N, C-alpha and C. Protein backbone atom coordinates (compact mmCIF):
# COMPACT_ATOMS: atom_id res chain seq x y z
N MET A 1 3.17 -25.66 -18.04
CA MET A 1 4.19 -25.40 -17.04
C MET A 1 3.62 -24.59 -15.88
N SER A 2 2.59 -25.07 -15.26
CA SER A 2 2.03 -24.34 -14.14
C SER A 2 2.62 -24.86 -12.85
N ASN A 3 2.81 -23.96 -11.94
CA ASN A 3 3.34 -24.30 -10.64
C ASN A 3 2.27 -24.00 -9.62
N THR A 4 1.57 -25.02 -9.14
CA THR A 4 0.46 -24.82 -8.22
C THR A 4 0.92 -24.37 -6.84
N ALA A 5 2.20 -24.57 -6.52
CA ALA A 5 2.71 -24.16 -5.22
C ALA A 5 3.07 -22.68 -5.18
N GLN A 6 3.10 -22.06 -6.33
CA GLN A 6 3.48 -20.65 -6.41
C GLN A 6 2.31 -19.76 -6.03
N ASN A 7 2.57 -18.72 -5.25
CA ASN A 7 1.53 -17.77 -4.88
C ASN A 7 1.11 -16.97 -6.10
N PRO A 8 -0.19 -16.66 -6.22
CA PRO A 8 -0.63 -15.87 -7.36
C PRO A 8 -0.10 -14.44 -7.28
N LEU A 9 0.18 -13.89 -8.44
CA LEU A 9 0.67 -12.51 -8.52
C LEU A 9 -0.49 -11.56 -8.32
N ARG A 10 -0.36 -10.63 -7.39
CA ARG A 10 -1.41 -9.65 -7.13
C ARG A 10 -0.85 -8.27 -7.41
N LEU A 11 -1.32 -7.68 -8.49
CA LEU A 11 -0.85 -6.37 -8.88
C LEU A 11 -1.75 -5.30 -8.29
N HIS A 12 -1.14 -4.30 -7.72
CA HIS A 12 -1.90 -3.18 -7.19
C HIS A 12 -2.16 -2.18 -8.31
N PRO A 13 -3.27 -1.46 -8.22
CA PRO A 13 -3.50 -0.44 -9.25
C PRO A 13 -2.45 0.66 -9.14
N ALA A 14 -2.21 1.31 -10.25
CA ALA A 14 -1.27 2.43 -10.24
C ALA A 14 -1.82 3.51 -9.32
N PRO A 15 -0.96 4.10 -8.50
CA PRO A 15 -1.46 5.14 -7.59
C PRO A 15 -1.85 6.40 -8.36
N GLU A 16 -2.72 7.18 -7.75
CA GLU A 16 -3.11 8.46 -8.33
C GLU A 16 -1.86 9.35 -8.36
N SER A 17 -1.67 10.06 -9.46
CA SER A 17 -0.48 10.91 -9.58
C SER A 17 -0.49 12.01 -8.52
N ALA A 18 -1.66 12.49 -8.13
CA ALA A 18 -1.74 13.52 -7.09
C ALA A 18 -1.25 12.98 -5.75
N THR A 19 -1.54 11.71 -5.45
CA THR A 19 -1.08 11.12 -4.19
C THR A 19 0.43 11.02 -4.17
N VAL A 20 1.00 10.57 -5.28
CA VAL A 20 2.46 10.46 -5.37
C VAL A 20 3.10 11.84 -5.22
N GLU A 21 2.53 12.83 -5.89
CA GLU A 21 3.07 14.19 -5.83
C GLU A 21 3.04 14.75 -4.41
N LEU A 22 1.92 14.55 -3.73
CA LEU A 22 1.82 15.05 -2.35
C LEU A 22 2.79 14.34 -1.42
N LEU A 23 2.95 13.03 -1.60
CA LEU A 23 3.92 12.29 -0.79
C LEU A 23 5.34 12.79 -1.05
N TYR A 24 5.65 13.09 -2.31
CA TYR A 24 6.97 13.61 -2.62
C TYR A 24 7.20 14.96 -1.92
N ARG A 25 6.17 15.77 -1.87
CA ARG A 25 6.29 17.06 -1.18
C ARG A 25 6.51 16.86 0.32
N ILE A 26 5.88 15.84 0.88
CA ILE A 26 6.03 15.57 2.32
C ILE A 26 7.40 15.00 2.63
N PHE A 27 7.81 13.97 1.86
CA PHE A 27 9.02 13.23 2.20
C PHE A 27 10.26 13.64 1.40
N GLY A 28 10.08 14.25 0.22
CA GLY A 28 11.20 14.77 -0.55
C GLY A 28 12.06 13.74 -1.25
N ASP A 29 11.58 12.51 -1.37
CA ASP A 29 12.37 11.47 -2.04
C ASP A 29 11.44 10.36 -2.48
N VAL A 30 11.90 9.53 -3.43
CA VAL A 30 11.06 8.42 -3.87
C VAL A 30 11.18 7.22 -2.94
N LEU A 31 12.26 7.14 -2.20
CA LEU A 31 12.40 6.11 -1.18
C LEU A 31 12.17 6.76 0.18
N ILE A 32 11.19 6.25 0.89
CA ILE A 32 10.82 6.83 2.18
C ILE A 32 11.28 5.88 3.28
N PRO A 33 12.11 6.35 4.22
CA PRO A 33 12.52 5.48 5.32
C PRO A 33 11.28 4.91 6.03
N LEU A 34 11.33 3.63 6.30
CA LEU A 34 10.18 2.94 6.89
C LEU A 34 9.74 3.59 8.20
N GLU A 35 10.69 4.06 8.97
CA GLU A 35 10.35 4.70 10.24
C GLU A 35 9.54 5.98 10.01
N LYS A 36 9.84 6.72 8.94
CA LYS A 36 9.07 7.93 8.65
C LYS A 36 7.64 7.59 8.22
N VAL A 37 7.49 6.49 7.48
CA VAL A 37 6.14 6.04 7.10
C VAL A 37 5.36 5.71 8.37
N ARG A 38 6.00 4.99 9.28
CA ARG A 38 5.34 4.61 10.54
C ARG A 38 4.96 5.85 11.34
N GLU A 39 5.88 6.79 11.46
CA GLU A 39 5.60 8.00 12.24
C GLU A 39 4.47 8.83 11.64
N GLN A 40 4.40 8.87 10.31
CA GLN A 40 3.40 9.69 9.63
C GLN A 40 2.03 9.04 9.62
N TYR A 41 1.97 7.73 9.35
CA TYR A 41 0.69 7.09 9.08
C TYR A 41 0.30 5.97 10.05
N PHE A 42 1.23 5.49 10.84
CA PHE A 42 0.94 4.38 11.75
C PHE A 42 1.45 4.69 13.16
N ARG A 43 1.11 5.87 13.65
CA ARG A 43 1.57 6.29 14.98
C ARG A 43 1.10 5.37 16.09
N ASN A 44 0.00 4.67 15.85
CA ASN A 44 -0.55 3.78 16.87
C ASN A 44 0.28 2.51 17.04
N LEU A 45 1.24 2.27 16.15
CA LEU A 45 2.07 1.07 16.23
C LEU A 45 3.50 1.45 16.60
N ASN A 46 4.10 0.67 17.50
CA ASN A 46 5.52 0.88 17.78
C ASN A 46 6.34 0.24 16.66
N GLU A 47 7.65 0.41 16.67
CA GLU A 47 8.49 -0.09 15.59
C GLU A 47 8.32 -1.58 15.36
N GLN A 48 8.34 -2.36 16.43
CA GLN A 48 8.25 -3.81 16.30
C GLN A 48 6.88 -4.24 15.78
N SER A 49 5.82 -3.62 16.30
CA SER A 49 4.47 -3.96 15.84
C SER A 49 4.29 -3.63 14.37
N PHE A 50 4.85 -2.51 13.95
CA PHE A 50 4.75 -2.08 12.56
C PHE A 50 5.41 -3.11 11.65
N VAL A 51 6.61 -3.53 11.98
CA VAL A 51 7.33 -4.53 11.17
C VAL A 51 6.57 -5.85 11.18
N THR A 52 6.03 -6.24 12.32
CA THR A 52 5.25 -7.47 12.42
C THR A 52 4.02 -7.42 11.52
N GLU A 53 3.34 -6.28 11.52
CA GLU A 53 2.14 -6.12 10.68
C GLU A 53 2.49 -6.19 9.19
N ILE A 54 3.63 -5.64 8.81
CA ILE A 54 4.07 -5.71 7.42
C ILE A 54 4.43 -7.15 7.06
N ASN A 55 5.21 -7.80 7.93
CA ASN A 55 5.65 -9.17 7.66
C ASN A 55 4.48 -10.14 7.61
N SER A 56 3.43 -9.89 8.37
CA SER A 56 2.26 -10.78 8.37
C SER A 56 1.36 -10.54 7.17
N GLY A 57 1.54 -9.41 6.48
CA GLY A 57 0.72 -9.09 5.33
C GLY A 57 -0.50 -8.25 5.67
N ARG A 58 -0.71 -7.95 6.94
CA ARG A 58 -1.85 -7.11 7.32
C ARG A 58 -1.70 -5.71 6.73
N ILE A 59 -0.48 -5.18 6.80
CA ILE A 59 -0.16 -3.93 6.11
C ILE A 59 0.60 -4.34 4.86
N GLN A 60 -0.01 -4.16 3.70
CA GLN A 60 0.60 -4.61 2.45
C GLN A 60 1.49 -3.52 1.89
N LEU A 61 2.73 -3.54 2.36
CA LEU A 61 3.70 -2.53 1.96
C LEU A 61 5.04 -3.21 1.72
N PRO A 62 5.45 -3.33 0.45
CA PRO A 62 6.75 -3.94 0.17
C PRO A 62 7.88 -3.10 0.76
N ILE A 63 8.88 -3.77 1.28
CA ILE A 63 10.05 -3.11 1.86
C ILE A 63 11.22 -3.30 0.92
N THR A 64 12.00 -2.24 0.73
CA THR A 64 13.18 -2.33 -0.11
C THR A 64 14.40 -1.80 0.66
N THR A 65 15.55 -2.27 0.25
CA THR A 65 16.81 -1.77 0.80
C THR A 65 17.74 -1.47 -0.37
N LEU A 66 18.78 -0.72 -0.10
CA LEU A 66 19.77 -0.43 -1.14
C LEU A 66 21.06 -1.22 -0.92
N ASP A 67 21.02 -2.12 0.04
CA ASP A 67 22.19 -2.90 0.41
C ASP A 67 21.72 -4.29 0.81
N THR A 68 22.57 -5.27 0.66
CA THR A 68 22.19 -6.64 1.04
C THR A 68 22.47 -6.94 2.51
N SER A 69 23.05 -6.01 3.21
CA SER A 69 23.36 -6.19 4.63
C SER A 69 22.08 -6.31 5.45
N ARG A 70 22.14 -7.12 6.51
CA ARG A 70 20.99 -7.23 7.42
C ARG A 70 20.70 -5.91 8.11
N LYS A 71 21.72 -5.09 8.26
CA LYS A 71 21.56 -3.81 8.95
C LYS A 71 21.21 -2.66 8.00
N ALA A 72 20.99 -2.99 6.75
CA ALA A 72 20.68 -1.95 5.75
C ALA A 72 19.39 -1.23 6.14
N LEU A 73 19.36 0.06 5.87
CA LEU A 73 18.16 0.83 6.13
C LEU A 73 17.02 0.32 5.26
N LYS A 74 15.83 0.31 5.82
CA LYS A 74 14.65 -0.19 5.11
C LYS A 74 13.82 0.99 4.63
N TYR A 75 13.34 0.86 3.40
CA TYR A 75 12.57 1.92 2.77
C TYR A 75 11.27 1.36 2.19
N ALA A 76 10.33 2.27 1.96
CA ALA A 76 9.15 1.97 1.16
C ALA A 76 9.21 2.89 -0.05
N HIS A 77 8.93 2.35 -1.22
CA HIS A 77 8.93 3.17 -2.42
C HIS A 77 7.68 4.05 -2.41
N ILE A 78 7.82 5.25 -2.88
CA ILE A 78 6.72 6.22 -2.85
C ILE A 78 5.46 5.70 -3.56
N ARG A 79 5.64 4.93 -4.64
CA ARG A 79 4.48 4.37 -5.36
C ARG A 79 3.72 3.38 -4.49
N HIS A 80 4.44 2.59 -3.69
CA HIS A 80 3.80 1.61 -2.84
C HIS A 80 3.01 2.28 -1.71
N VAL A 81 3.58 3.32 -1.14
CA VAL A 81 2.88 4.07 -0.09
C VAL A 81 1.63 4.73 -0.67
N ALA A 82 1.79 5.32 -1.85
CA ALA A 82 0.65 5.97 -2.51
C ALA A 82 -0.45 4.96 -2.83
N SER A 83 -0.07 3.79 -3.33
CA SER A 83 -1.07 2.75 -3.63
C SER A 83 -1.80 2.31 -2.38
N LEU A 84 -1.06 2.13 -1.30
CA LEU A 84 -1.68 1.73 -0.03
C LEU A 84 -2.71 2.77 0.41
N ILE A 85 -2.36 4.02 0.33
CA ILE A 85 -3.28 5.10 0.72
C ILE A 85 -4.50 5.12 -0.20
N ASP A 86 -4.27 5.04 -1.50
CA ASP A 86 -5.38 5.08 -2.46
C ASP A 86 -6.32 3.88 -2.30
N ILE A 87 -5.76 2.69 -2.14
CA ILE A 87 -6.58 1.49 -1.97
C ILE A 87 -7.46 1.61 -0.73
N ARG A 88 -6.87 2.07 0.36
CA ARG A 88 -7.65 2.22 1.60
C ARG A 88 -8.75 3.28 1.42
N ALA A 89 -8.45 4.32 0.66
CA ALA A 89 -9.46 5.35 0.40
C ALA A 89 -10.60 4.78 -0.44
N TYR A 90 -10.28 3.98 -1.46
CA TYR A 90 -11.32 3.37 -2.29
C TYR A 90 -12.19 2.43 -1.46
N LYS A 91 -11.56 1.66 -0.59
CA LYS A 91 -12.33 0.74 0.27
C LYS A 91 -13.23 1.51 1.23
N ALA A 92 -12.76 2.63 1.72
CA ALA A 92 -13.59 3.47 2.60
C ALA A 92 -14.79 4.02 1.83
N ASP A 93 -14.57 4.43 0.58
CA ASP A 93 -15.68 4.90 -0.26
C ASP A 93 -16.73 3.81 -0.44
N GLU A 94 -16.28 2.60 -0.76
CA GLU A 94 -17.21 1.49 -0.96
C GLU A 94 -17.97 1.17 0.32
N SER A 95 -17.26 1.18 1.43
CA SER A 95 -17.90 0.88 2.71
C SER A 95 -18.97 1.91 3.04
N MET A 96 -18.68 3.16 2.82
CA MET A 96 -19.64 4.22 3.10
C MET A 96 -20.87 4.08 2.19
N GLN A 97 -20.64 3.76 0.93
CA GLN A 97 -21.76 3.59 0.01
C GLN A 97 -22.65 2.42 0.42
N ARG A 98 -22.04 1.33 0.87
CA ARG A 98 -22.82 0.18 1.34
C ARG A 98 -23.64 0.55 2.56
N GLN A 99 -23.04 1.29 3.49
CA GLN A 99 -23.74 1.70 4.71
C GLN A 99 -24.91 2.62 4.39
N GLN A 100 -24.77 3.43 3.38
CA GLN A 100 -25.82 4.37 3.01
C GLN A 100 -26.80 3.76 2.02
N GLY A 101 -26.54 2.52 1.60
CA GLY A 101 -27.44 1.84 0.69
C GLY A 101 -27.40 2.34 -0.73
N GLU A 102 -26.34 3.06 -1.08
CA GLU A 102 -26.20 3.58 -2.45
C GLU A 102 -25.55 2.51 -3.32
N PRO A 103 -25.86 2.51 -4.61
CA PRO A 103 -25.20 1.55 -5.51
C PRO A 103 -23.72 1.89 -5.63
N ILE A 104 -22.90 0.87 -5.68
CA ILE A 104 -21.46 1.06 -5.82
C ILE A 104 -21.15 1.19 -7.31
N HIS A 105 -20.32 2.15 -7.67
CA HIS A 105 -20.01 2.41 -9.07
C HIS A 105 -19.29 1.21 -9.69
N VAL A 106 -19.84 0.72 -10.77
CA VAL A 106 -19.31 -0.45 -11.46
C VAL A 106 -17.92 -0.16 -12.01
N GLU A 107 -17.68 1.05 -12.51
CA GLU A 107 -16.39 1.38 -13.11
C GLU A 107 -15.26 1.21 -12.10
N ALA A 108 -15.46 1.64 -10.87
CA ALA A 108 -14.42 1.52 -9.85
C ALA A 108 -14.13 0.06 -9.56
N ASN A 109 -15.17 -0.76 -9.49
CA ASN A 109 -14.97 -2.18 -9.22
C ASN A 109 -14.27 -2.87 -10.38
N LEU A 110 -14.65 -2.52 -11.63
CA LEU A 110 -14.01 -3.11 -12.78
C LEU A 110 -12.53 -2.76 -12.84
N GLU A 111 -12.19 -1.50 -12.54
CA GLU A 111 -10.80 -1.07 -12.54
C GLU A 111 -10.01 -1.83 -11.49
N ARG A 112 -10.60 -1.98 -10.30
CA ARG A 112 -9.93 -2.69 -9.22
C ARG A 112 -9.75 -4.15 -9.59
N ASP A 113 -10.79 -4.80 -10.13
CA ASP A 113 -10.72 -6.20 -10.48
C ASP A 113 -9.74 -6.45 -11.62
N LYS A 114 -9.61 -5.49 -12.52
CA LYS A 114 -8.68 -5.60 -13.62
C LYS A 114 -7.25 -5.74 -13.11
N HIS A 115 -6.99 -5.10 -11.98
CA HIS A 115 -5.64 -5.13 -11.40
C HIS A 115 -5.47 -6.25 -10.38
N GLY A 116 -6.49 -7.06 -10.18
CA GLY A 116 -6.34 -8.23 -9.31
C GLY A 116 -6.57 -7.97 -7.85
N ASN A 117 -7.22 -6.89 -7.48
CA ASN A 117 -7.45 -6.59 -6.07
C ASN A 117 -8.90 -6.88 -5.74
N SER A 118 -9.14 -7.23 -4.49
CA SER A 118 -10.52 -7.45 -4.05
C SER A 118 -10.82 -6.68 -2.81
């Protein structure tokens, strides 16, 4: 019963608990208004550009609402924001190691691959 038209499931690694904790201290809730995420971490993008980048998949951040209305406020869950930050940090570590010619730690790559990320 395989469906070849279905997109593959890509699971993100669990965020570091310290990242989630720090985000909670900054935002004070598990649901962070999307505009606050943009103001804090994507100041270079205006509201429309930010939404476009999310919708295109360039910024991989799931959006949630608490209402089915089109005008419902949009939020990002704290775990998703933390995962986005952690993933980008891991990629920066790998990039720096490649630039410096150092071997990349196998354990980090195995953990990432286990969760389906590349």
